[in-house]
Full PDB file with SEQRES, HELIX, SHEET, SSBOND, CRYST1, ORIGX, SCALE, CONECT and MASTER records, all heavy atoms in Angstrom:
SEQRES   1 A   41  GLY VAL PRO ASP ARG HIS GLU PRO ASP GLU GLY GLU VAL          
SEQRES   2 A   41  ASN TYR PRO TYR LEU PHE LYS LEU ILE ASP GLU LEU GLY          
SEQRES   3 A   41  TYR GLU GLY TRP VAL GLY CYS GLU TYR ARG PRO ARG ALA          
SEQRES   4 A   41  ASN THR                                                      
HELIX    1 AA1 TYR A   15  GLU A   24  1                                  10    
CRYST1    1.000    1.000    1.000  90.00  90.00  90.00 P 1           1          
ORIGX1      1.000000  0.000000  0.000000        0.00000                         
ORIGX2      0.000000  1.000000  0.000000        0.00000                         
ORIGX3      0.000000  0.000000  1.000000        0.00000                         
SCALE1      1.000000  0.000000  0.000000        0.00000                         
SCALE2      0.000000  1.000000  0.000000        0.00000                         
SCALE3      0.000000  0.000000  1.000000        0.00000                         
ATOM      1  N   GLY A   1      -3.785   3.970   1.613  1.00  0.00           N  
ATOM      2  CA  GLY A   1      -3.307   4.867   2.643  1.00  0.00           C  
ATOM      3  C   GLY A   1      -4.304   4.998   3.782  1.00  0.00           C  
ATOM      4  O   GLY A   1      -5.514   4.906   3.583  1.00  0.00           O  
ATOM      5  N   VAL A   2      -3.774   5.181   4.983  1.00  0.00           N  
ATOM      6  CA  VAL A   2      -4.609   5.363   6.179  1.00  0.00           C  
ATOM      7  C   VAL A   2      -4.291   6.737   6.768  1.00  0.00           C  
ATOM      8  O   VAL A   2      -3.107   7.083   6.892  1.00  0.00           O  
ATOM      9  CB  VAL A   2      -4.312   4.256   7.218  1.00  0.00           C  
ATOM     10  CG1 VAL A   2      -5.198   4.416   8.448  1.00  0.00           C  
ATOM     11  CG2 VAL A   2      -4.473   2.861   6.597  1.00  0.00           C  
ATOM     12  N   PRO A   3      -5.290   7.570   7.074  1.00  0.00           N  
ATOM     13  CA  PRO A   3      -6.697   7.203   7.305  1.00  0.00           C  
ATOM     14  C   PRO A   3      -7.655   7.465   6.154  1.00  0.00           C  
ATOM     15  O   PRO A   3      -8.834   7.115   6.263  1.00  0.00           O  
ATOM     16  CB  PRO A   3      -7.066   8.117   8.484  1.00  0.00           C  
ATOM     17  CG  PRO A   3      -6.280   9.376   8.215  1.00  0.00           C  
ATOM     18  CD  PRO A   3      -4.967   8.901   7.628  1.00  0.00           C  
ATOM     19  N   ASP A   4      -7.229   8.072   5.061  1.00  0.00           N  
ATOM     20  CA  ASP A   4      -8.176   8.579   4.066  1.00  0.00           C  
ATOM     21  C   ASP A   4      -8.410   7.657   2.873  1.00  0.00           C  
ATOM     22  O   ASP A   4      -9.170   8.014   1.969  1.00  0.00           O  
ATOM     23  CB  ASP A   4      -7.714   9.950   3.562  1.00  0.00           C  
ATOM     24  CG  ASP A   4      -7.719  10.999   4.666  1.00  0.00           C  
ATOM     25  OD1 ASP A   4      -8.645  10.941   5.503  1.00  0.00           O  
ATOM     26  OD2 ASP A   4      -6.808  11.832   4.705  1.00  0.00           O  
ATOM     27  N   ARG A   5      -7.787   6.512   2.844  1.00  0.00           N  
ATOM     28  CA  ARG A   5      -7.944   5.524   1.789  1.00  0.00           C  
ATOM     29  C   ARG A   5      -7.549   6.067   0.405  1.00  0.00           C  
ATOM     30  O   ARG A   5      -8.151   5.734  -0.602  1.00  0.00           O  
ATOM     31  CB  ARG A   5      -9.361   4.944   1.765  1.00  0.00           C  
ATOM     32  CG  ARG A   5      -9.369   3.519   1.200  1.00  0.00           C  
ATOM     33  CD  ARG A   5     -10.708   2.825   1.360  1.00  0.00           C  
ATOM     34  NE  ARG A   5     -10.564   1.405   1.069  1.00  0.00           N  
ATOM     35  CZ  ARG A   5     -11.532   0.485   1.184  1.00  0.00           C  
ATOM     36  NH1 ARG A   5     -12.726   0.865   1.609  1.00  0.00           N  
ATOM     37  NH2 ARG A   5     -11.298  -0.764   0.907  1.00  0.00           N  
ATOM     38  N   HIS A   6      -6.516   6.886   0.394  1.00  0.00           N  
ATOM     39  CA  HIS A   6      -5.946   7.350  -0.874  1.00  0.00           C  
ATOM     40  C   HIS A   6      -4.709   6.520  -1.209  1.00  0.00           C  
ATOM     41  O   HIS A   6      -4.522   5.425  -0.674  1.00  0.00           O  
ATOM     42  CB  HIS A   6      -5.606   8.836  -0.773  1.00  0.00           C  
ATOM     43  CG  HIS A   6      -6.796   9.725  -0.620  1.00  0.00           C  
ATOM     44  ND1 HIS A   6      -7.959   9.546  -1.348  1.00  0.00           N  
ATOM     45  CD2 HIS A   6      -7.030  10.807   0.186  1.00  0.00           C  
ATOM     46  CE1 HIS A   6      -8.843  10.472  -1.012  1.00  0.00           C  
ATOM     47  NE2 HIS A   6      -8.314  11.234  -0.084  1.00  0.00           N  
ATOM     48  N   GLU A   7      -3.865   7.037  -2.082  1.00  0.00           N  
ATOM     49  CA  GLU A   7      -2.644   6.344  -2.478  1.00  0.00           C  
ATOM     50  C   GLU A   7      -1.816   5.951  -1.252  1.00  0.00           C  
ATOM     51  O   GLU A   7      -1.840   6.664  -0.227  1.00  0.00           O  
ATOM     52  CB  GLU A   7      -1.805   7.244  -3.388  1.00  0.00           C  
ATOM     53  CG  GLU A   7      -2.300   7.332  -4.816  1.00  0.00           C  
ATOM     54  CD  GLU A   7      -3.423   8.325  -5.062  1.00  0.00           C  
ATOM     55  OE1 GLU A   7      -3.981   8.859  -4.069  1.00  0.00           O  
ATOM     56  OE2 GLU A   7      -3.777   8.562  -6.231  1.00  0.00           O  
ATOM     57  N   PRO A   8      -1.084   4.859  -1.352  1.00  0.00           N  
ATOM     58  CA  PRO A   8      -0.308   4.370  -0.198  1.00  0.00           C  
ATOM     59  C   PRO A   8       0.987   5.124   0.060  1.00  0.00           C  
ATOM     60  O   PRO A   8       1.844   4.643   0.814  1.00  0.00           O  
ATOM     61  CB  PRO A   8      -0.034   2.904  -0.556  1.00  0.00           C  
ATOM     62  CG  PRO A   8      -0.015   2.893  -2.042  1.00  0.00           C  
ATOM     63  CD  PRO A   8      -1.055   3.890  -2.467  1.00  0.00           C  
ATOM     64  N   ASP A   9       1.140   6.308  -0.553  1.00  0.00           N  
ATOM     65  CA  ASP A   9       2.336   7.111  -0.291  1.00  0.00           C  
ATOM     66  C   ASP A   9       2.042   8.230   0.713  1.00  0.00           C  
ATOM     67  O   ASP A   9       2.870   9.122   0.910  1.00  0.00           O  
ATOM     68  CB  ASP A   9       2.891   7.713  -1.592  1.00  0.00           C  
ATOM     69  CG  ASP A   9       1.873   8.580  -2.330  1.00  0.00           C  
ATOM     70  OD1 ASP A   9       0.731   8.720  -1.833  1.00  0.00           O  
ATOM     71  OD2 ASP A   9       2.222   9.090  -3.406  1.00  0.00           O  
ATOM     72  N   GLU A  10       0.883   8.189   1.346  1.00  0.00           N  
ATOM     73  CA  GLU A  10       0.559   9.176   2.378  1.00  0.00           C  
ATOM     74  C   GLU A  10      -0.100   8.491   3.554  1.00  0.00           C  
ATOM     75  O   GLU A  10      -0.640   7.391   3.443  1.00  0.00           O  
ATOM     76  CB  GLU A  10      -0.385  10.264   1.837  1.00  0.00           C  
ATOM     77  CG  GLU A  10      -1.800   9.789   1.566  1.00  0.00           C  
ATOM     78  CD  GLU A  10      -2.760  10.924   1.241  1.00  0.00           C  
ATOM     79  OE1 GLU A  10      -2.299  11.971   0.761  1.00  0.00           O  
ATOM     80  OE2 GLU A  10      -3.971  10.750   1.455  1.00  0.00           O  
ATOM     81  N   GLY A  11      -0.022   9.144   4.721  1.00  0.00           N  
ATOM     82  CA  GLY A  11      -0.700   8.619   5.886  1.00  0.00           C  
ATOM     83  C   GLY A  11       0.236   7.932   6.852  1.00  0.00           C  
ATOM     84  O   GLY A  11       1.462   8.068   6.807  1.00  0.00           O  
ATOM     85  N   GLU A  12      -0.340   7.126   7.712  1.00  0.00           N  
ATOM     86  CA  GLU A  12       0.374   6.615   8.867  1.00  0.00           C  
ATOM     87  C   GLU A  12       1.013   5.249   8.670  1.00  0.00           C  
ATOM     88  O   GLU A  12       1.655   4.718   9.597  1.00  0.00           O  
ATOM     89  CB  GLU A  12      -0.589   6.537  10.062  1.00  0.00           C  
ATOM     90  CG  GLU A  12      -1.752   5.598   9.852  1.00  0.00           C  
ATOM     91  CD  GLU A  12      -2.903   5.838  10.839  1.00  0.00           C  
ATOM     92  OE1 GLU A  12      -3.326   6.997  10.954  1.00  0.00           O  
ATOM     93  OE2 GLU A  12      -3.339   4.872  11.496  1.00  0.00           O  
ATOM     94  N   VAL A  13       0.859   4.634   7.517  1.00  0.00           N  
ATOM     95  CA  VAL A  13       1.421   3.304   7.267  1.00  0.00           C  
ATOM     96  C   VAL A  13       2.663   3.430   6.387  1.00  0.00           C  
ATOM     97  O   VAL A  13       2.621   4.064   5.323  1.00  0.00           O  
ATOM     98  CB  VAL A  13       0.393   2.374   6.609  1.00  0.00           C  
ATOM     99  CG1 VAL A  13       1.006   1.018   6.291  1.00  0.00           C  
ATOM    100  CG2 VAL A  13      -0.842   2.209   7.501  1.00  0.00           C  
ATOM    101  N   ASN A  14       3.746   2.784   6.800  1.00  0.00           N  
ATOM    102  CA  ASN A  14       5.003   2.789   6.048  1.00  0.00           C  
ATOM    103  C   ASN A  14       4.986   1.630   5.059  1.00  0.00           C  
ATOM    104  O   ASN A  14       5.465   0.528   5.351  1.00  0.00           O  
ATOM    105  CB  ASN A  14       6.186   2.665   7.015  1.00  0.00           C  
ATOM    106  CG  ASN A  14       7.532   2.715   6.313  1.00  0.00           C  
ATOM    107  OD1 ASN A  14       7.616   2.732   5.095  1.00  0.00           O  
ATOM    108  ND2 ASN A  14       8.614   2.729   7.096  1.00  0.00           N  
ATOM    109  N   TYR A  15       4.436   1.879   3.899  1.00  0.00           N  
ATOM    110  CA  TYR A  15       4.268   0.789   2.939  1.00  0.00           C  
ATOM    111  C   TYR A  15       5.575   0.277   2.346  1.00  0.00           C  
ATOM    112  O   TYR A  15       5.703  -0.947   2.140  1.00  0.00           O  
ATOM    113  CB  TYR A  15       3.278   1.181   1.845  1.00  0.00           C  
ATOM    114  CG  TYR A  15       1.849   0.898   2.255  1.00  0.00           C  
ATOM    115  CD1 TYR A  15       0.964   1.935   2.533  1.00  0.00           C  
ATOM    116  CD2 TYR A  15       1.374  -0.395   2.392  1.00  0.00           C  
ATOM    117  CE1 TYR A  15      -0.346   1.686   2.915  1.00  0.00           C  
ATOM    118  CE2 TYR A  15       0.070  -0.664   2.779  1.00  0.00           C  
ATOM    119  CZ  TYR A  15      -0.782   0.373   3.037  1.00  0.00           C  
ATOM    120  OH  TYR A  15      -2.079   0.107   3.440  1.00  0.00           O  
ATOM    121  N   PRO A  16       6.563   1.100   2.032  1.00  0.00           N  
ATOM    122  CA  PRO A  16       7.820   0.507   1.565  1.00  0.00           C  
ATOM    123  C   PRO A  16       8.377  -0.550   2.522  1.00  0.00           C  
ATOM    124  O   PRO A  16       8.885  -1.589   2.089  1.00  0.00           O  
ATOM    125  CB  PRO A  16       8.740   1.730   1.438  1.00  0.00           C  
ATOM    126  CG  PRO A  16       7.808   2.841   1.119  1.00  0.00           C  
ATOM    127  CD  PRO A  16       6.575   2.565   1.940  1.00  0.00           C  
ATOM    128  N   TYR A  17       8.278  -0.282   3.826  1.00  0.00           N  
ATOM    129  CA  TYR A  17       8.705  -1.274   4.814  1.00  0.00           C  
ATOM    130  C   TYR A  17       7.869  -2.550   4.702  1.00  0.00           C  
ATOM    131  O   TYR A  17       8.394  -3.673   4.734  1.00  0.00           O  
ATOM    132  CB  TYR A  17       8.591  -0.677   6.219  1.00  0.00           C  
ATOM    133  CG  TYR A  17       8.772  -1.677   7.330  1.00  0.00           C  
ATOM    134  CD1 TYR A  17      10.046  -2.082   7.738  1.00  0.00           C  
ATOM    135  CD2 TYR A  17       7.664  -2.260   7.954  1.00  0.00           C  
ATOM    136  CE1 TYR A  17      10.205  -3.020   8.749  1.00  0.00           C  
ATOM    137  CE2 TYR A  17       7.818  -3.190   8.953  1.00  0.00           C  
ATOM    138  CZ  TYR A  17       9.087  -3.581   9.360  1.00  0.00           C  
ATOM    139  OH  TYR A  17       9.238  -4.501  10.349  1.00  0.00           O  
ATOM    140  N   LEU A  18       6.538  -2.391   4.587  1.00  0.00           N  
ATOM    141  CA  LEU A  18       5.677  -3.567   4.505  1.00  0.00           C  
ATOM    142  C   LEU A  18       5.897  -4.340   3.212  1.00  0.00           C  
ATOM    143  O   LEU A  18       5.851  -5.575   3.212  1.00  0.00           O  
ATOM    144  CB  LEU A  18       4.215  -3.142   4.620  1.00  0.00           C  
ATOM    145  CG  LEU A  18       3.755  -2.635   5.990  1.00  0.00           C  
ATOM    146  CD1 LEU A  18       2.280  -2.230   5.936  1.00  0.00           C  
ATOM    147  CD2 LEU A  18       3.986  -3.662   7.084  1.00  0.00           C  
ATOM    148  N   PHE A  19       6.147  -3.648   2.111  1.00  0.00           N  
ATOM    149  CA  PHE A  19       6.402  -4.353   0.851  1.00  0.00           C  
ATOM    150  C   PHE A  19       7.641  -5.232   0.974  1.00  0.00           C  
ATOM    151  O   PHE A  19       7.672  -6.370   0.503  1.00  0.00           O  
ATOM    152  CB  PHE A  19       6.568  -3.359  -0.290  1.00  0.00           C  
ATOM    153  CG  PHE A  19       5.323  -2.564  -0.612  1.00  0.00           C  
ATOM    154  CD1 PHE A  19       5.434  -1.296  -1.187  1.00  0.00           C  
ATOM    155  CD2 PHE A  19       4.068  -3.066  -0.342  1.00  0.00           C  
ATOM    156  CE1 PHE A  19       4.302  -0.564  -1.492  1.00  0.00           C  
ATOM    157  CE2 PHE A  19       2.926  -2.328  -0.655  1.00  0.00           C  
ATOM    158  CZ  PHE A  19       3.044  -1.072  -1.217  1.00  0.00           C  
ATOM    159  N   LYS A  20       8.658  -4.702   1.599  1.00  0.00           N  
ATOM    160  CA  LYS A  20       9.882  -5.480   1.816  1.00  0.00           C  
ATOM    161  C   LYS A  20       9.603  -6.684   2.704  1.00  0.00           C  
ATOM    162  O   LYS A  20      10.063  -7.816   2.438  1.00  0.00           O  
ATOM    163  CB  LYS A  20      10.961  -4.590   2.451  1.00  0.00           C  
ATOM    164  CG  LYS A  20      12.324  -5.236   2.648  1.00  0.00           C  
ATOM    165  CD  LYS A  20      13.323  -4.190   3.076  1.00  0.00           C  
ATOM    166  CE  LYS A  20      14.729  -4.777   3.239  1.00  0.00           C  
ATOM    167  NZ  LYS A  20      14.861  -5.633   4.406  1.00  0.00           N  
ATOM    168  N   LEU A  21       8.825  -6.482   3.761  1.00  0.00           N  
ATOM    169  CA  LEU A  21       8.477  -7.578   4.654  1.00  0.00           C  
ATOM    170  C   LEU A  21       7.661  -8.639   3.939  1.00  0.00           C  
ATOM    171  O   LEU A  21       7.897  -9.851   4.117  1.00  0.00           O  
ATOM    172  CB  LEU A  21       7.697  -7.026   5.851  1.00  0.00           C  
ATOM    173  CG  LEU A  21       7.164  -8.078   6.843  1.00  0.00           C  
ATOM    174  CD1 LEU A  21       8.306  -8.839   7.485  1.00  0.00           C  
ATOM    175  CD2 LEU A  21       6.276  -7.411   7.898  1.00  0.00           C  
ATOM    176  N   ILE A  22       6.697  -8.219   3.142  1.00  0.00           N  
ATOM    177  CA  ILE A  22       5.866  -9.171   2.392  1.00  0.00           C  
ATOM    178  C   ILE A  22       6.738 -10.063   1.515  1.00  0.00           C  
ATOM    179  O   ILE A  22       6.521 -11.282   1.421  1.00  0.00           O  
ATOM    180  CB  ILE A  22       4.798  -8.412   1.577  1.00  0.00           C  
ATOM    181  CG1 ILE A  22       3.718  -7.838   2.519  1.00  0.00           C  
ATOM    182  CG2 ILE A  22       4.163  -9.303   0.528  1.00  0.00           C  
ATOM    183  CD1 ILE A  22       2.819  -6.828   1.868  1.00  0.00           C  
ATOM    184  N   ASP A  23       7.743  -9.465   0.863  1.00  0.00           N  
ATOM    185  CA  ASP A  23       8.679 -10.258   0.057  1.00  0.00           C  
ATOM    186  C   ASP A  23       9.456 -11.222   0.936  1.00  0.00           C  
ATOM    187  O   ASP A  23       9.628 -12.403   0.600  1.00  0.00           O  
ATOM    188  CB  ASP A  23       9.657  -9.333  -0.675  1.00  0.00           C  
ATOM    189  CG  ASP A  23       9.029  -8.681  -1.903  1.00  0.00           C  
ATOM    190  OD1 ASP A  23       7.963  -9.148  -2.357  1.00  0.00           O  
ATOM    191  OD2 ASP A  23       9.605  -7.706  -2.412  1.00  0.00           O  
ATOM    192  N   GLU A  24       9.950 -10.733   2.071  1.00  0.00           N  
ATOM    193  CA  GLU A  24      10.759 -11.569   2.969  1.00  0.00           C  
ATOM    194  C   GLU A  24       9.963 -12.754   3.500  1.00  0.00           C  
ATOM    195  O   GLU A  24      10.525 -13.837   3.733  1.00  0.00           O  
ATOM    196  CB  GLU A  24      11.288 -10.730   4.123  1.00  0.00           C  
ATOM    197  CG  GLU A  24      12.341  -9.708   3.729  1.00  0.00           C  
ATOM    198  CD  GLU A  24      12.703  -8.778   4.867  1.00  0.00           C  
ATOM    199  OE1 GLU A  24      12.045  -8.838   5.928  1.00  0.00           O  
ATOM    200  OE2 GLU A  24      13.635  -7.951   4.678  1.00  0.00           O  
ATOM    201  N   LEU A  25       8.675 -12.571   3.675  1.00  0.00           N  
ATOM    202  CA  LEU A  25       7.830 -13.636   4.182  1.00  0.00           C  
ATOM    203  C   LEU A  25       7.415 -14.640   3.114  1.00  0.00           C  
ATOM    204  O   LEU A  25       6.720 -15.621   3.400  1.00  0.00           O  
ATOM    205  CB  LEU A  25       6.579 -13.037   4.849  1.00  0.00           C  
ATOM    206  CG  LEU A  25       6.844 -12.235   6.129  1.00  0.00           C  
ATOM    207  CD1 LEU A  25       5.561 -11.545   6.604  1.00  0.00           C  
ATOM    208  CD2 LEU A  25       7.411 -13.118   7.227  1.00  0.00           C  
ATOM    209  N   GLY A  26       7.808 -14.393   1.875  1.00  0.00           N  
ATOM    210  CA  GLY A  26       7.593 -15.352   0.811  1.00  0.00           C  
ATOM    211  C   GLY A  26       6.226 -15.307   0.157  1.00  0.00           C  
ATOM    212  O   GLY A  26       5.826 -16.260  -0.528  1.00  0.00           O  
ATOM    213  N   TYR A  27       5.510 -14.208   0.338  1.00  0.00           N  
ATOM    214  CA  TYR A  27       4.185 -14.084  -0.302  1.00  0.00           C  
ATOM    215  C   TYR A  27       4.352 -14.004  -1.821  1.00  0.00           C  
ATOM    216  O   TYR A  27       5.101 -13.188  -2.329  1.00  0.00           O  
ATOM    217  CB  TYR A  27       3.490 -12.831   0.218  1.00  0.00           C  
ATOM    218  CG  TYR A  27       2.126 -12.575  -0.406  1.00  0.00           C  
ATOM    219  CD1 TYR A  27       1.040 -13.366  -0.093  1.00  0.00           C  
ATOM    220  CD2 TYR A  27       1.951 -11.527  -1.313  1.00  0.00           C  
ATOM    221  CE1 TYR A  27      -0.211 -13.135  -0.660  1.00  0.00           C  
ATOM    222  CE2 TYR A  27       0.697 -11.280  -1.880  1.00  0.00           C  
ATOM    223  CZ  TYR A  27      -0.366 -12.095  -1.546  1.00  0.00           C  
ATOM    224  OH  TYR A  27      -1.610 -11.854  -2.106  1.00  0.00           O  
ATOM    225  N   GLU A  28       3.627 -14.850  -2.531  1.00  0.00           N  
ATOM    226  CA  GLU A  28       3.751 -14.921  -3.983  1.00  0.00           C  
ATOM    227  C   GLU A  28       2.493 -14.471  -4.710  1.00  0.00           C  
ATOM    228  O   GLU A  28       2.449 -14.518  -5.942  1.00  0.00           O  
ATOM    229  CB  GLU A  28       4.115 -16.361  -4.394  1.00  0.00           C  
ATOM    230  CG  GLU A  28       5.469 -16.819  -3.861  1.00  0.00           C  
ATOM    231  CD  GLU A  28       5.809 -18.236  -4.284  1.00  0.00           C  
ATOM    232  OE1 GLU A  28       4.902 -18.935  -4.816  1.00  0.00           O  
ATOM    233  OE2 GLU A  28       6.970 -18.659  -4.091  1.00  0.00           O  
ATOM    234  N   GLY A  29       1.484 -14.037  -3.976  1.00  0.00           N  
ATOM    235  CA  GLY A  29       0.245 -13.608  -4.613  1.00  0.00           C  
ATOM    236  C   GLY A  29       0.311 -12.158  -5.067  1.00  0.00           C  
ATOM    237  O   GLY A  29       1.369 -11.530  -5.074  1.00  0.00           O  
ATOM    238  N   TRP A  30      -0.852 -11.647  -5.432  1.00  0.00           N  
ATOM    239  CA  TRP A  30      -0.967 -10.265  -5.873  1.00  0.00           C  
ATOM    240  C   TRP A  30      -1.326  -9.368  -4.681  1.00  0.00           C  
ATOM    241  O   TRP A  30      -1.921  -9.820  -3.720  1.00  0.00           O  
ATOM    242  CB  TRP A  30      -2.056 -10.138  -6.951  1.00  0.00           C  
ATOM    243  CG  TRP A  30      -1.723 -10.866  -8.202  1.00  0.00           C  
ATOM    244  CD1 TRP A  30      -2.053 -12.166  -8.520  1.00  0.00           C  
ATOM    245  CD2 TRP A  30      -0.999 -10.359  -9.331  1.00  0.00           C  
ATOM    246  NE1 TRP A  30      -1.579 -12.478  -9.770  1.00  0.00           N  
ATOM    247  CE2 TRP A  30      -0.928 -11.386 -10.295  1.00  0.00           C  
ATOM    248  CE3 TRP A  30      -0.423  -9.115  -9.629  1.00  0.00           C  
ATOM    249  CZ2 TRP A  30      -0.297 -11.234 -11.513  1.00  0.00           C  
ATOM    250  CZ3 TRP A  30       0.212  -8.948 -10.845  1.00  0.00           C  
ATOM    251  CH2 TRP A  30       0.272  -9.998 -11.781  1.00  0.00           C  
ATOM    252  N   VAL A  31      -0.967  -8.109  -4.815  1.00  0.00           N  
ATOM    253  CA  VAL A  31      -1.340  -7.093  -3.836  1.00  0.00           C  
ATOM    254  C   VAL A  31      -2.306  -6.131  -4.524  1.00  0.00           C  
ATOM    255  O   VAL A  31      -1.942  -5.434  -5.481  1.00  0.00           O  
ATOM    256  CB  VAL A  31      -0.112  -6.326  -3.307  1.00  0.00           C  
ATOM    257  CG1 VAL A  31      -0.540  -5.152  -2.427  1.00  0.00           C  
ATOM    258  CG2 VAL A  31       0.796  -7.267  -2.523  1.00  0.00           C  
ATOM    259  N   GLY A  32      -3.554  -6.131  -4.066  1.00  0.00           N  
ATOM    260  CA  GLY A  32      -4.584  -5.309  -4.699  1.00  0.00           C  
ATOM    261  C   GLY A  32      -4.503  -3.859  -4.251  1.00  0.00           C  
ATOM    262  O   GLY A  32      -4.455  -3.577  -3.042  1.00  0.00           O  
ATOM    263  N   CYS A  33      -4.497  -2.950  -5.197  1.00  0.00           N  
ATOM    264  CA  CYS A  33      -4.480  -1.509  -4.903  1.00  0.00           C  
ATOM    265  C   CYS A  33      -5.930  -1.035  -4.818  1.00  0.00           C  
ATOM    266  O   CYS A  33      -6.526  -0.614  -5.823  1.00  0.00           O  
ATOM    267  CB  CYS A  33      -3.721  -0.766  -5.993  1.00  0.00           C  
ATOM    268  SG  CYS A  33      -2.006  -1.322  -6.168  1.00  0.00           S  
ATOM    269  N   GLU A  34      -6.487  -1.114  -3.631  1.00  0.00           N  
ATOM    270  CA  GLU A  34      -7.900  -0.811  -3.423  1.00  0.00           C  
ATOM    271  C   GLU A  34      -8.015   0.519  -2.677  1.00  0.00           C  
ATOM    272  O   GLU A  34      -8.308   0.563  -1.483  1.00  0.00           O  
ATOM    273  CB  GLU A  34      -8.580  -1.936  -2.626  1.00  0.00           C  
ATOM    274  CG  GLU A  34     -10.103  -1.800  -2.626  1.00  0.00           C  
ATOM    275  CD  GLU A  34     -10.775  -2.866  -1.788  1.00  0.00           C  
ATOM    276  OE1 GLU A  34     -10.334  -3.125  -0.655  1.00  0.00           O  
ATOM    277  OE2 GLU A  34     -11.784  -3.445  -2.257  1.00  0.00           O  
ATOM    278  N   TYR A  35      -7.778   1.588  -3.406  1.00  0.00           N  
ATOM    279  CA  TYR A  35      -7.829   2.914  -2.781  1.00  0.00           C  
ATOM    280  C   TYR A  35      -8.542   3.892  -3.695  1.00  0.00           C  
ATOM    281  O   TYR A  35      -8.718   3.643  -4.891  1.00  0.00           O  
ATOM    282  CB  TYR A  35      -6.423   3.408  -2.443  1.00  0.00           C  
ATOM    283  CG  TYR A  35      -5.478   3.581  -3.611  1.00  0.00           C  
ATOM    284  CD1 TYR A  35      -5.506   4.738  -4.405  1.00  0.00           C  
ATOM    285  CD2 TYR A  35      -4.521   2.617  -3.924  1.00  0.00           C  
ATOM    286  CE1 TYR A  35      -4.635   4.910  -5.474  1.00  0.00           C  
ATOM    287  CE2 TYR A  35      -3.640   2.779  -4.986  1.00  0.00           C  
ATOM    288  CZ  TYR A  35      -3.702   3.935  -5.750  1.00  0.00           C  
ATOM    289  OH  TYR A  35      -2.842   4.106  -6.820  1.00  0.00           O  
ATOM    290  N   ARG A  36      -8.947   5.026  -3.094  1.00  0.00           N  
ATOM    291  CA  ARG A  36      -9.597   6.093  -3.858  1.00  0.00           C  
ATOM    292  C   ARG A  36      -8.543   7.107  -4.278  1.00  0.00           C  
ATOM    293  O   ARG A  36      -7.927   7.754  -3.398  1.00  0.00           O  
ATOM    294  CB  ARG A  36     -10.674   6.777  -3.004  1.00  0.00           C  
ATOM    295  CG  ARG A  36     -11.871   5.904  -2.677  1.00  0.00           C  
ATOM    296  CD  ARG A  36     -12.948   6.710  -1.943  1.00  0.00           C  
ATOM    297  NE  ARG A  36     -12.509   7.086  -0.617  1.00  0.00           N  
ATOM    298  CZ  ARG A  36     -12.778   6.404   0.501  1.00  0.00           C  
ATOM    299  NH1 ARG A  36     -13.488   5.293   0.429  1.00  0.00           N  
ATOM    300  NH2 ARG A  36     -12.345   6.828   1.666  1.00  0.00           N  
ATOM    301  N   PRO A  37      -8.306   7.269  -5.556  1.00  0.00           N  
ATOM    302  CA  PRO A  37      -7.275   8.224  -5.992  1.00  0.00           C  
ATOM    303  C   PRO A  37      -7.574   9.647  -5.520  1.00  0.00           C  
ATOM    304  O   PRO A  37      -8.723  10.076  -5.486  1.00  0.00           O  
ATOM    305  CB  PRO A  37      -7.324   8.131  -7.516  1.00  0.00           C  
ATOM    306  CG  PRO A  37      -7.983   6.820  -7.809  1.00  0.00           C  
ATOM    307  CD  PRO A  37      -8.941   6.596  -6.693  1.00  0.00           C  
ATOM    308  N   ARG A  38      -6.518  10.373  -5.162  1.00  0.00           N  
ATOM    309  CA  ARG A  38      -6.693  11.768  -4.754  1.00  0.00           C  
ATOM    310  C   ARG A  38      -7.211  12.618  -5.901  1.00  0.00           C  
ATOM    311  O   ARG A  38      -7.988  13.554  -5.714  1.00  0.00           O  
ATOM    312  CB  ARG A  38      -5.357  12.337  -4.251  1.00  0.00           C  
ATOM    313  CG  ARG A  38      -4.891  11.796  -2.910  1.00  0.00           C  
ATOM    314  CD  ARG A  38      -3.589  12.451  -2.475  1.00  0.00           C  
ATOM    315  NE  ARG A  38      -2.496  12.112  -3.345  1.00  0.00           N  
ATOM    316  CZ  ARG A  38      -1.550  11.209  -3.067  1.00  0.00           C  
ATOM    317  NH1 ARG A  38      -1.588  10.559  -1.914  1.00  0.00           N  
ATOM    318  NH2 ARG A  38      -0.573  10.956  -3.907  1.00  0.00           N  
ATOM    319  N   ALA A  39      -6.757  12.289  -7.104  1.00  0.00           N  
ATOM    320  CA  ALA A  39      -7.156  13.029  -8.311  1.00  0.00           C  
ATOM    321  C   ALA A  39      -7.097  12.045  -9.481  1.00  0.00           C  
ATOM    322  O   ALA A  39      -7.681  10.964  -9.406  1.00  0.00           O  
ATOM    323  CB  ALA A  39      -6.261  14.253  -8.506  1.00  0.00           C  
ATOM    324  N   ASN A  40      -6.393  12.386 -10.534  1.00  0.00           N  
ATOM    325  CA  ASN A  40      -6.251  11.486 -11.673  1.00  0.00           C  
ATOM    326  C   ASN A  40      -5.487  10.236 -11.263  1.00  0.00           C  
ATOM    327  O   ASN A  40      -4.407  10.310 -10.666  1.00  0.00           O  
ATOM    328  CB  ASN A  40      -5.529  12.216 -12.805  1.00  0.00           C  
ATOM    329  CG  ASN A  40      -5.307  11.330 -14.017  1.00  0.00           C  
ATOM    330  OD1 ASN A  40      -4.315  10.599 -14.076  1.00  0.00           O  
ATOM    331  ND2 ASN A  40      -6.232  11.369 -14.958  1.00  0.00           N  
ATOM    332  N   THR A  41      -6.028   9.063 -11.580  1.00  0.00           N  
ATOM    333  CA  THR A  41      -5.427   7.813 -11.142  1.00  0.00           C  
ATOM    334  C   THR A  41      -4.002   7.660 -11.652  1.00  0.00           C  
ATOM    335  O   THR A  41      -3.089   7.322 -10.883  1.00  0.00           O  
ATOM    336  CB  THR A  41      -6.266   6.616 -11.607  1.00  0.00           C  
ATOM    337  OG1 THR A  41      -7.594   6.742 -11.088  1.00  0.00           O  
ATOM    338  CG2 THR A  41      -5.658   5.303 -11.144  1.00  0.00           C  
TER     339      THR A  41                                                      
MASTER        0    0    0    1    0    0    0    6  338    1    0    4          
END                                                                             
């Protein structure tokens, strides 16, 4: 998540939209969840 680097369900980036786009573009790799949990992971 942006700006606080927490879970991708908060902040200014629309991740559901990006996940759909990533699929449409044919990306077959992994997506790393590199964020600091707000509380319990």
